[in-house]
Protein backbone atom coordinates (compact mmCIF):
# COMPACT_ATOMS: atom_id res chain seq x y z
CA UNK A 1 57.57 70.81 -65.52
CA UNK A 2 58.72 70.72 -62.07
CA UNK A 3 59.49 68.20 -59.53
CA UNK A 4 59.79 68.54 -55.65
CA UNK A 5 62.45 65.80 -55.42
CA UNK A 6 64.48 63.23 -57.04
CA UNK A 7 62.42 60.28 -56.22
CA UNK A 8 59.19 62.29 -57.48
CA UNK A 9 61.26 62.75 -60.78
CA UNK A 10 62.08 59.32 -61.38
CA UNK A 11 58.18 58.21 -60.31
CA UNK A 12 56.47 60.86 -62.82
CA UNK A 13 53.52 60.75 -61.61
CA UNK A 14 51.18 58.16 -63.07
CA UNK A 15 53.12 58.50 -66.05
CA UNK A 16 56.56 57.02 -64.78
CA UNK A 17 56.22 53.45 -65.97
CA UNK A 18 55.13 54.12 -69.85
CA UNK A 19 58.25 57.02 -69.74
CA UNK A 20 60.63 54.62 -67.95
CA UNK A 21 59.58 51.24 -70.18
CA UNK A 22 59.79 53.40 -73.31
CA UNK A 23 63.19 54.85 -72.72
CA UNK A 24 64.48 51.10 -71.72
CA UNK A 25 62.77 49.60 -74.96
CA UNK A 26 64.83 52.56 -76.78
CA UNK A 27 68.29 51.62 -75.14
CA UNK A 28 67.98 48.16 -75.70
CA UNK A 29 67.00 48.99 -79.48
CA UNK A 30 70.25 50.91 -79.85
CA UNK A 31 72.58 48.38 -78.04
CA UNK A 32 71.01 45.72 -80.48
CA UNK A 33 71.69 48.22 -83.46
CA UNK A 34 75.47 48.50 -82.22
CA UNK A 35 75.97 45.07 -80.86
CA UNK A 36 74.51 42.37 -83.43
CA UNK A 37 76.58 44.08 -86.71
CA UNK A 38 79.48 43.59 -84.32
CA UNK A 39 78.72 39.75 -83.63
CA UNK A 40 77.53 39.42 -87.59
CA UNK A 41 81.23 40.68 -88.23
CA UNK A 42 83.20 38.82 -86.10
CA UNK A 43 81.64 35.71 -87.48
CA UNK A 44 82.10 36.38 -91.35
CA UNK A 45 85.95 37.05 -90.04
CA UNK A 46 85.86 33.71 -88.54
CA UNK A 47 84.28 31.26 -91.03
CA UNK A 48 86.79 33.64 -93.69
CA UNK A 49 89.71 32.24 -91.30
CA UNK A 50 88.26 28.96 -91.31
CA UNK A 51 87.66 28.70 -95.09
CA UNK A 52 91.08 29.99 -95.84
CA UNK A 53 92.42 27.25 -92.93
CA UNK A 54 90.98 24.41 -94.96
CA UNK A 55 91.84 25.52 -98.53
CA UNK A 56 95.97 25.67 -97.25
CA UNK A 57 95.12 22.46 -95.79
CA UNK A 58 94.03 20.64 -99.56
């Protein structure tokens, strides 16, 4: 497949909306696969620190 210009490449004819939305969804899923476990780990360590402080104050 060859395109005459970069703007034609971005438009990808009638398939541009499908192609770029598929890429966008893929990137979003990959980002969530990284971000959600990091957030859960941070929340876990914060909860453990709170639990430890509560136990030490008793």
